[in-house]
Amino acid sequence: MNVLEVDIDKLKDIATQVRRDIVRMVHQCQSGHPGGSLGCTDYLVALYFHIMKHDPKFNMNGKGEDLFFLSNGHISPVFYSVLARSGYFDVAELATFRKLNSRLQGHPTTHEGLPGIRMASGSLGQGLSVAIGAAQAKRLNGDDSFVYTLHGDGELQ
């Protein structure tokens, strides 16, 4: 299957499961931002399951693979679900969302050691500068991989 061909039914099934994960995670801890997560599901599923070249073994350097930076970190449930469903960590860990000592906190951070997280995204408005820096580094290093980023409407105003 080339880049232009896509199994829409497969992507829809994955997106449905990711949405279920989001609702379960937020409901279980009675905390979080389900609206933004649910609204960005199709974007992240398309990126991680069809568009991006990425490796769930995860190397922070990201050389030779496409990178994604989440700027609006409060939509972490969708990001965590997509990472888990892509093989970065066990799906069972989603049940620990926002619990004490969990790697899955309300905003992703690098110090938790969670594969797939390349930047802390608690401070809105930081993602664009990080993504631009990563893209420039890729260019300077002769790496023709892509850099993707997602931002919330409020931080872009």
N, C-alpha and C. Protein backbone atom coordinates (compact mmCIF):
# COMPACT_ATOMS: atom_id res chain seq x y z
N MET A 1 0.85 -1.18 0.00
CA MET A 1 0.00 0.00 0.00
C MET A 1 0.90 1.24 0.00
N ASN A 2 0.69 2.14 -0.95
CA ASN A 2 1.52 3.34 -0.97
C ASN A 2 0.90 4.42 -0.08
N VAL A 3 1.59 5.53 0.01
CA VAL A 3 1.18 6.61 0.92
C VAL A 3 -0.22 7.12 0.59
N LEU A 4 -0.60 7.10 -0.67
CA LEU A 4 -1.90 7.64 -1.06
C LEU A 4 -3.03 6.66 -0.78
N GLU A 5 -2.70 5.37 -0.65
CA GLU A 5 -3.71 4.38 -0.35
C GLU A 5 -3.86 4.27 1.17
N VAL A 6 -5.07 4.18 1.61
CA VAL A 6 -5.30 4.09 3.05
C VAL A 6 -6.51 3.20 3.30
N ASP A 7 -6.40 2.42 4.35
CA ASP A 7 -7.52 1.58 4.76
C ASP A 7 -8.36 2.40 5.75
N ILE A 8 -9.35 3.11 5.21
CA ILE A 8 -10.17 4.01 6.02
C ILE A 8 -10.89 3.25 7.13
N ASP A 9 -11.38 2.05 6.83
CA ASP A 9 -12.10 1.28 7.85
C ASP A 9 -11.18 0.94 9.01
N LYS A 10 -9.92 0.60 8.73
CA LYS A 10 -8.96 0.30 9.80
C LYS A 10 -8.72 1.55 10.66
N LEU A 11 -8.52 2.69 10.01
CA LEU A 11 -8.30 3.93 10.77
C LEU A 11 -9.52 4.30 11.59
N LYS A 12 -10.70 4.10 11.05
CA LYS A 12 -11.93 4.38 11.81
C LYS A 12 -12.03 3.49 13.04
N ASP A 13 -11.68 2.20 12.87
CA ASP A 13 -11.72 1.28 14.01
C ASP A 13 -10.73 1.69 15.10
N ILE A 14 -9.54 2.09 14.69
CA ILE A 14 -8.54 2.54 15.66
C ILE A 14 -9.03 3.80 16.37
N ALA A 15 -9.56 4.74 15.60
CA ALA A 15 -10.06 6.00 16.18
C ALA A 15 -11.19 5.73 17.17
N THR A 16 -12.05 4.77 16.85
CA THR A 16 -13.14 4.42 17.78
C THR A 16 -12.57 3.89 19.09
N GLN A 17 -11.56 3.03 18.99
CA GLN A 17 -10.95 2.48 20.21
C GLN A 17 -10.24 3.57 21.01
N VAL A 18 -9.57 4.48 20.33
CA VAL A 18 -8.89 5.59 21.01
C VAL A 18 -9.92 6.45 21.74
N ARG A 19 -11.05 6.71 21.11
CA ARG A 19 -12.10 7.50 21.78
C ARG A 19 -12.62 6.77 23.02
N ARG A 20 -12.77 5.47 22.93
CA ARG A 20 -13.19 4.70 24.11
C ARG A 20 -12.16 4.84 25.22
N ASP A 21 -10.87 4.75 24.85
CA ASP A 21 -9.80 4.91 25.84
C ASP A 21 -9.90 6.27 26.53
N ILE A 22 -10.11 7.31 25.74
CA ILE A 22 -10.19 8.68 26.28
C ILE A 22 -11.31 8.78 27.31
N VAL A 23 -12.49 8.32 26.94
CA VAL A 23 -13.65 8.41 27.85
C VAL A 23 -13.38 7.60 29.11
N ARG A 24 -12.84 6.40 28.97
CA ARG A 24 -12.53 5.58 30.16
C ARG A 24 -11.52 6.27 31.07
N MET A 25 -10.45 6.80 30.48
CA MET A 25 -9.39 7.42 31.27
C MET A 25 -9.92 8.61 32.07
N VAL A 26 -10.62 9.50 31.39
CA VAL A 26 -11.11 10.72 32.04
C VAL A 26 -12.20 10.39 33.05
N HIS A 27 -13.07 9.46 32.71
CA HIS A 27 -14.14 9.08 33.64
C HIS A 27 -13.57 8.41 34.89
N GLN A 28 -12.59 7.54 34.71
CA GLN A 28 -12.04 6.79 35.84
C GLN A 28 -11.42 7.71 36.89
N CYS A 29 -10.75 8.77 36.45
CA CYS A 29 -10.11 9.66 37.43
C CYS A 29 -10.95 10.91 37.71
N GLN A 30 -12.06 11.05 36.98
CA GLN A 30 -12.96 12.21 37.15
C GLN A 30 -12.21 13.53 36.97
N SER A 31 -11.27 13.53 36.02
CA SER A 31 -10.46 14.71 35.79
C SER A 31 -9.88 14.65 34.39
N GLY A 32 -9.76 15.80 33.76
CA GLY A 32 -9.14 15.84 32.44
C GLY A 32 -9.94 16.67 31.45
N HIS A 33 -9.51 16.62 30.21
CA HIS A 33 -10.08 17.42 29.14
C HIS A 33 -10.52 16.51 28.00
N PRO A 34 -11.69 15.91 28.10
CA PRO A 34 -12.10 14.96 27.05
C PRO A 34 -12.43 15.62 25.72
N GLY A 35 -12.97 16.83 25.72
CA GLY A 35 -13.41 17.46 24.47
C GLY A 35 -12.29 17.62 23.46
N GLY A 36 -11.21 18.23 23.87
CA GLY A 36 -10.07 18.43 22.97
C GLY A 36 -9.46 17.12 22.53
N SER A 37 -9.39 16.17 23.45
CA SER A 37 -8.84 14.85 23.11
C SER A 37 -9.70 14.15 22.06
N LEU A 38 -11.01 14.15 22.28
CA LEU A 38 -11.92 13.50 21.33
C LEU A 38 -11.87 14.19 19.97
N GLY A 39 -11.78 15.50 19.98
CA GLY A 39 -11.75 16.26 18.73
C GLY A 39 -10.48 16.08 17.92
N CYS A 40 -9.39 15.70 18.55
CA CYS A 40 -8.11 15.54 17.84
C CYS A 40 -7.78 14.09 17.54
N THR A 41 -8.69 13.19 17.84
CA THR A 41 -8.43 11.77 17.65
C THR A 41 -8.10 11.42 16.20
N ASP A 42 -8.90 11.88 15.26
CA ASP A 42 -8.67 11.52 13.86
C ASP A 42 -7.30 12.01 13.37
N TYR A 43 -6.92 13.20 13.78
CA TYR A 43 -5.62 13.77 13.39
C TYR A 43 -4.47 12.87 13.87
N LEU A 44 -4.49 12.54 15.16
CA LEU A 44 -3.38 11.74 15.70
C LEU A 44 -3.40 10.30 15.18
N VAL A 45 -4.57 9.72 15.00
CA VAL A 45 -4.64 8.37 14.45
C VAL A 45 -4.10 8.37 13.02
N ALA A 46 -4.48 9.35 12.22
CA ALA A 46 -3.96 9.43 10.85
C ALA A 46 -2.44 9.57 10.85
N LEU A 47 -1.92 10.44 11.73
CA LEU A 47 -0.47 10.62 11.81
C LEU A 47 0.25 9.33 12.18
N TYR A 48 -0.14 8.75 13.29
CA TYR A 48 0.60 7.61 13.84
C TYR A 48 0.33 6.28 13.12
N PHE A 49 -0.82 6.13 12.50
CA PHE A 49 -1.15 4.86 11.88
C PHE A 49 -1.13 4.89 10.35
N HIS A 50 -0.83 6.06 9.77
CA HIS A 50 -0.78 6.11 8.31
C HIS A 50 0.33 7.01 7.77
N ILE A 51 0.54 8.16 8.35
CA ILE A 51 1.41 9.15 7.73
C ILE A 51 2.85 9.11 8.23
N MET A 52 3.03 9.14 9.54
CA MET A 52 4.38 9.27 10.11
C MET A 52 5.22 8.00 9.99
N LYS A 53 6.52 8.22 9.77
CA LYS A 53 7.50 7.15 9.91
C LYS A 53 8.03 7.27 11.34
N HIS A 54 7.72 6.28 12.17
CA HIS A 54 8.16 6.37 13.57
C HIS A 54 8.43 4.97 14.09
N ASP A 55 9.18 4.90 15.17
CA ASP A 55 9.59 3.63 15.75
C ASP A 55 9.19 3.57 17.22
N PRO A 56 8.28 2.67 17.58
CA PRO A 56 7.86 2.54 18.98
C PRO A 56 8.99 2.13 19.94
N LYS A 57 10.13 1.69 19.41
CA LYS A 57 11.27 1.40 20.30
C LYS A 57 11.76 2.68 20.94
N PHE A 58 11.51 3.80 20.31
CA PHE A 58 11.73 5.16 20.80
C PHE A 58 13.18 5.48 21.15
N ASN A 59 13.69 6.39 20.38
CA ASN A 59 15.00 6.99 20.62
C ASN A 59 14.75 8.49 20.68
N MET A 60 15.09 9.11 21.77
CA MET A 60 14.81 10.54 21.96
C MET A 60 15.40 11.38 20.83
N ASN A 61 16.50 10.93 20.25
CA ASN A 61 17.14 11.64 19.16
C ASN A 61 16.24 11.73 17.93
N GLY A 62 15.52 10.66 17.63
CA GLY A 62 14.57 10.66 16.51
C GLY A 62 15.20 10.75 15.14
N LYS A 63 16.48 10.44 15.02
CA LYS A 63 17.16 10.53 13.73
C LYS A 63 16.54 9.54 12.74
N GLY A 64 16.20 10.04 11.56
CA GLY A 64 15.66 9.19 10.51
C GLY A 64 14.19 8.87 10.64
N GLU A 65 13.52 9.46 11.62
CA GLU A 65 12.09 9.23 11.76
C GLU A 65 11.36 10.56 11.91
N ASP A 66 10.07 10.54 11.58
CA ASP A 66 9.25 11.73 11.75
C ASP A 66 9.00 11.95 13.23
N LEU A 67 8.87 13.22 13.61
CA LEU A 67 8.66 13.58 15.01
C LEU A 67 7.32 14.27 15.19
N PHE A 68 6.74 14.10 16.36
CA PHE A 68 5.51 14.80 16.72
C PHE A 68 5.70 15.48 18.06
N PHE A 69 5.25 16.74 18.13
CA PHE A 69 5.28 17.50 19.37
C PHE A 69 3.88 17.98 19.69
N LEU A 70 3.41 17.63 20.88
CA LEU A 70 2.11 18.08 21.36
C LEU A 70 2.31 19.35 22.17
N SER A 71 1.74 20.44 21.71
CA SER A 71 1.88 21.70 22.43
C SER A 71 0.80 21.85 23.49
N ASN A 72 -0.44 21.54 23.14
CA ASN A 72 -1.54 21.66 24.09
C ASN A 72 -1.65 20.38 24.91
N GLY A 73 -0.76 20.26 25.88
CA GLY A 73 -0.60 19.03 26.66
C GLY A 73 -1.80 18.59 27.45
N HIS A 74 -2.78 19.47 27.65
CA HIS A 74 -3.96 19.06 28.41
C HIS A 74 -4.81 18.05 27.65
N ILE A 75 -4.53 17.83 26.37
CA ILE A 75 -5.24 16.77 25.64
C ILE A 75 -4.41 15.48 25.66
N SER A 76 -3.71 15.29 26.75
CA SER A 76 -2.86 14.10 26.90
C SER A 76 -3.59 12.78 26.75
N PRO A 77 -4.87 12.64 27.12
CA PRO A 77 -5.51 11.33 26.95
C PRO A 77 -5.44 10.79 25.52
N VAL A 78 -5.66 11.64 24.53
CA VAL A 78 -5.59 11.16 23.15
C VAL A 78 -4.16 10.78 22.79
N PHE A 79 -3.20 11.56 23.23
CA PHE A 79 -1.80 11.29 22.93
C PHE A 79 -1.37 9.97 23.57
N TYR A 80 -1.70 9.78 24.84
CA TYR A 80 -1.34 8.54 25.52
C TYR A 80 -1.98 7.33 24.86
N SER A 81 -3.25 7.43 24.50
CA SER A 81 -3.92 6.31 23.87
C SER A 81 -3.28 5.96 22.53
N VAL A 82 -3.01 6.96 21.71
CA VAL A 82 -2.40 6.70 20.40
C VAL A 82 -1.00 6.11 20.57
N LEU A 83 -0.23 6.61 21.51
CA LEU A 83 1.10 6.04 21.74
C LEU A 83 1.00 4.58 22.18
N ALA A 84 0.10 4.31 23.11
CA ALA A 84 -0.07 2.93 23.58
C ALA A 84 -0.53 2.02 22.44
N ARG A 85 -1.51 2.45 21.69
CA ARG A 85 -2.05 1.64 20.60
C ARG A 85 -1.05 1.49 19.45
N SER A 86 -0.04 2.39 19.40
CA SER A 86 1.04 2.29 18.40
C SER A 86 2.18 1.40 18.86
N GLY A 87 2.13 0.95 20.12
CA GLY A 87 3.16 0.05 20.61
C GLY A 87 4.27 0.68 21.44
N TYR A 88 4.12 1.94 21.82
CA TYR A 88 5.17 2.60 22.61
C TYR A 88 5.20 2.08 24.05
N PHE A 89 4.07 1.72 24.59
CA PHE A 89 3.98 1.13 25.92
C PHE A 89 2.69 0.32 25.99
N ASP A 90 2.55 -0.46 27.04
CA ASP A 90 1.42 -1.37 27.18
C ASP A 90 0.10 -0.61 27.36
N VAL A 91 -0.91 -1.01 26.61
CA VAL A 91 -2.23 -0.38 26.68
C VAL A 91 -2.80 -0.43 28.10
N ALA A 92 -2.46 -1.45 28.86
CA ALA A 92 -2.97 -1.57 30.24
C ALA A 92 -2.55 -0.38 31.11
N GLU A 93 -1.46 0.27 30.76
CA GLU A 93 -0.99 1.42 31.55
C GLU A 93 -1.95 2.61 31.46
N LEU A 94 -2.81 2.63 30.45
CA LEU A 94 -3.78 3.72 30.33
C LEU A 94 -4.67 3.81 31.57
N ALA A 95 -4.88 2.70 32.25
CA ALA A 95 -5.71 2.67 33.47
C ALA A 95 -5.08 3.44 34.62
N THR A 96 -3.83 3.86 34.48
CA THR A 96 -3.15 4.60 35.56
C THR A 96 -3.22 6.11 35.34
N PHE A 97 -3.94 6.56 34.34
CA PHE A 97 -4.00 7.99 34.00
C PHE A 97 -4.32 8.85 35.22
N ARG A 98 -3.46 9.81 35.47
CA ARG A 98 -3.58 10.81 36.54
C ARG A 98 -3.58 10.24 37.95
N LYS A 99 -3.08 9.03 38.12
CA LYS A 99 -2.96 8.46 39.45
C LYS A 99 -1.57 8.76 40.00
N LEU A 100 -1.43 8.72 41.32
CA LEU A 100 -0.14 8.96 41.94
C LEU A 100 0.89 7.96 41.41
N ASN A 101 2.08 8.45 41.15
CA ASN A 101 3.21 7.67 40.67
C ASN A 101 3.02 7.09 39.27
N SER A 102 2.01 7.54 38.54
CA SER A 102 1.80 7.11 37.16
C SER A 102 2.68 7.94 36.22
N ARG A 103 3.08 7.32 35.12
CA ARG A 103 3.79 8.07 34.09
C ARG A 103 2.82 8.88 33.23
N LEU A 104 1.53 8.61 33.38
CA LEU A 104 0.50 9.26 32.57
C LEU A 104 -0.20 10.36 33.36
N GLN A 105 0.44 11.49 33.44
CA GLN A 105 -0.12 12.62 34.19
C GLN A 105 -0.95 13.51 33.26
N GLY A 106 -1.55 14.54 33.81
CA GLY A 106 -2.44 15.42 33.05
C GLY A 106 -1.77 16.13 31.89
N HIS A 107 -0.48 16.39 32.02
CA HIS A 107 0.32 16.97 30.94
C HIS A 107 1.55 16.09 30.78
N PRO A 108 1.87 15.68 29.55
CA PRO A 108 3.04 14.82 29.35
C PRO A 108 4.34 15.52 29.75
N THR A 109 5.24 14.76 30.33
CA THR A 109 6.56 15.28 30.68
C THR A 109 7.62 14.26 30.31
N THR A 110 8.80 14.75 30.05
CA THR A 110 9.90 13.86 29.67
C THR A 110 10.50 13.15 30.89
N HIS A 111 10.41 13.75 32.06
CA HIS A 111 11.06 13.14 33.23
C HIS A 111 10.34 11.88 33.70
N GLU A 112 9.15 11.62 33.18
CA GLU A 112 8.45 10.38 33.54
C GLU A 112 9.01 9.18 32.78
N GLY A 113 9.81 9.44 31.74
CA GLY A 113 10.43 8.36 30.97
C GLY A 113 9.45 7.60 30.08
N LEU A 114 8.37 8.23 29.70
CA LEU A 114 7.37 7.57 28.87
C LEU A 114 7.81 7.62 27.40
N PRO A 115 7.96 6.46 26.76
CA PRO A 115 8.35 6.45 25.34
C PRO A 115 7.35 7.22 24.48
N GLY A 116 7.88 8.00 23.56
CA GLY A 116 7.06 8.79 22.66
C GLY A 116 6.93 10.25 23.06
N ILE A 117 7.29 10.58 24.29
CA ILE A 117 7.19 11.96 24.78
C ILE A 117 8.55 12.64 24.59
N ARG A 118 8.59 13.67 23.76
CA ARG A 118 9.84 14.35 23.46
C ARG A 118 9.95 15.72 24.13
N MET A 119 8.85 16.22 24.69
CA MET A 119 8.90 17.51 25.38
C MET A 119 7.79 17.58 26.42
N ALA A 120 8.03 18.31 27.47
CA ALA A 120 6.98 18.58 28.45
C ALA A 120 6.05 19.60 27.82
N SER A 121 4.75 19.38 27.97
CA SER A 121 3.83 20.29 27.28
C SER A 121 2.77 20.84 28.23
N GLY A 122 3.20 21.27 29.37
CA GLY A 122 2.29 21.89 30.31
C GLY A 122 2.14 23.38 30.08
N SER A 123 3.17 24.01 29.55
CA SER A 123 3.12 25.45 29.29
C SER A 123 2.67 25.69 27.86
N LEU A 124 1.46 26.21 27.71
CA LEU A 124 0.92 26.44 26.38
C LEU A 124 1.76 27.43 25.59
N GLY A 125 1.85 27.20 24.28
CA GLY A 125 2.56 28.10 23.40
C GLY A 125 4.01 27.73 23.15
N GLN A 126 4.50 26.68 23.76
CA GLN A 126 5.90 26.30 23.61
C GLN A 126 6.15 25.35 22.44
N GLY A 127 5.13 24.61 22.04
CA GLY A 127 5.31 23.55 21.05
C GLY A 127 5.80 24.00 19.70
N LEU A 128 5.36 25.15 19.23
CA LEU A 128 5.77 25.61 17.91
C LEU A 128 7.27 25.88 17.86
N SER A 129 7.80 26.54 18.87
CA SER A 129 9.24 26.84 18.87
C SER A 129 10.05 25.56 18.96
N VAL A 130 9.59 24.58 19.74
CA VAL A 130 10.29 23.31 19.84
C VAL A 130 10.26 22.57 18.51
N ALA A 131 9.10 22.54 17.86
CA ALA A 131 8.97 21.86 16.58
C ALA A 131 9.84 22.53 15.50
N ILE A 132 9.86 23.86 15.50
CA ILE A 132 10.71 24.57 14.53
C ILE A 132 12.17 24.26 14.77
N GLY A 133 12.57 24.24 16.05
CA GLY A 133 13.95 23.89 16.37
C GLY A 133 14.31 22.48 15.92
N ALA A 134 13.40 21.53 16.14
CA ALA A 134 13.64 20.15 15.72
C ALA A 134 13.73 20.05 14.20
N ALA A 135 12.87 20.77 13.51
CA ALA A 135 12.89 20.75 12.04
C ALA A 135 14.20 21.35 11.51
N GLN A 136 14.62 22.44 12.14
CA GLN A 136 15.89 23.06 11.72
C GLN A 136 17.06 22.11 11.99
N ALA A 137 17.06 21.45 13.13
CA ALA A 137 18.13 20.49 13.44
C ALA A 137 18.15 19.35 12.41
N LYS A 138 16.96 18.86 12.05
CA LYS A 138 16.89 17.81 11.02
C LYS A 138 17.49 18.30 9.71
N ARG A 139 17.13 19.52 9.32
CA ARG A 139 17.67 20.08 8.07
C ARG A 139 19.19 20.19 8.14
N LEU A 140 19.70 20.73 9.24
CA LEU A 140 21.15 20.91 9.38
C LEU A 140 21.90 19.57 9.39
N ASN A 141 21.23 18.52 9.88
CA ASN A 141 21.85 17.20 9.94
C ASN A 141 21.58 16.35 8.70
N GLY A 142 20.93 16.93 7.69
CA GLY A 142 20.66 16.20 6.45
C GLY A 142 19.60 15.13 6.60
N ASP A 143 18.77 15.24 7.61
CA ASP A 143 17.69 14.28 7.88
C ASP A 143 16.42 14.83 7.22
N ASP A 144 15.90 14.13 6.22
CA ASP A 144 14.74 14.64 5.48
C ASP A 144 13.40 14.20 6.06
N SER A 145 13.40 13.73 7.30
CA SER A 145 12.16 13.34 7.97
C SER A 145 11.35 14.58 8.30
N PHE A 146 10.08 14.37 8.58
CA PHE A 146 9.16 15.47 8.86
C PHE A 146 8.97 15.69 10.36
N VAL A 147 8.53 16.89 10.70
CA VAL A 147 8.18 17.25 12.07
C VAL A 147 6.74 17.74 12.06
N TYR A 148 5.92 17.14 12.93
CA TYR A 148 4.51 17.52 13.05
C TYR A 148 4.27 18.06 14.45
N THR A 149 3.29 18.93 14.56
CA THR A 149 2.96 19.49 15.87
C THR A 149 1.46 19.81 15.91
N LEU A 150 0.93 19.85 17.11
CA LEU A 150 -0.49 20.16 17.30
C LEU A 150 -0.61 21.21 18.39
N HIS A 151 -1.47 22.21 18.14
CA HIS A 151 -1.66 23.33 19.06
C HIS A 151 -3.12 23.57 19.30
N GLY A 152 -3.43 24.11 20.46
CA GLY A 152 -4.81 24.47 20.78
C GLY A 152 -5.13 25.87 20.29
N ASP A 153 -6.41 26.14 20.10
CA ASP A 153 -6.82 27.45 19.60
C ASP A 153 -6.47 28.57 20.58
N GLY A 154 -6.63 28.32 21.87
CA GLY A 154 -6.32 29.35 22.86
C GLY A 154 -4.87 29.77 22.86
N GLU A 155 -3.97 28.84 22.70
CA GLU A 155 -2.54 29.20 22.73
C GLU A 155 -2.11 29.90 21.45
N LEU A 156 -2.89 29.77 20.39
CA LEU A 156 -2.54 30.42 19.13
C LEU A 156 -3.16 31.81 18.98
N GLN A 157 -4.03 32.19 19.89
CA GLN A 157 -4.68 33.50 19.79
C GLN A 157 -3.68 34.61 20.03
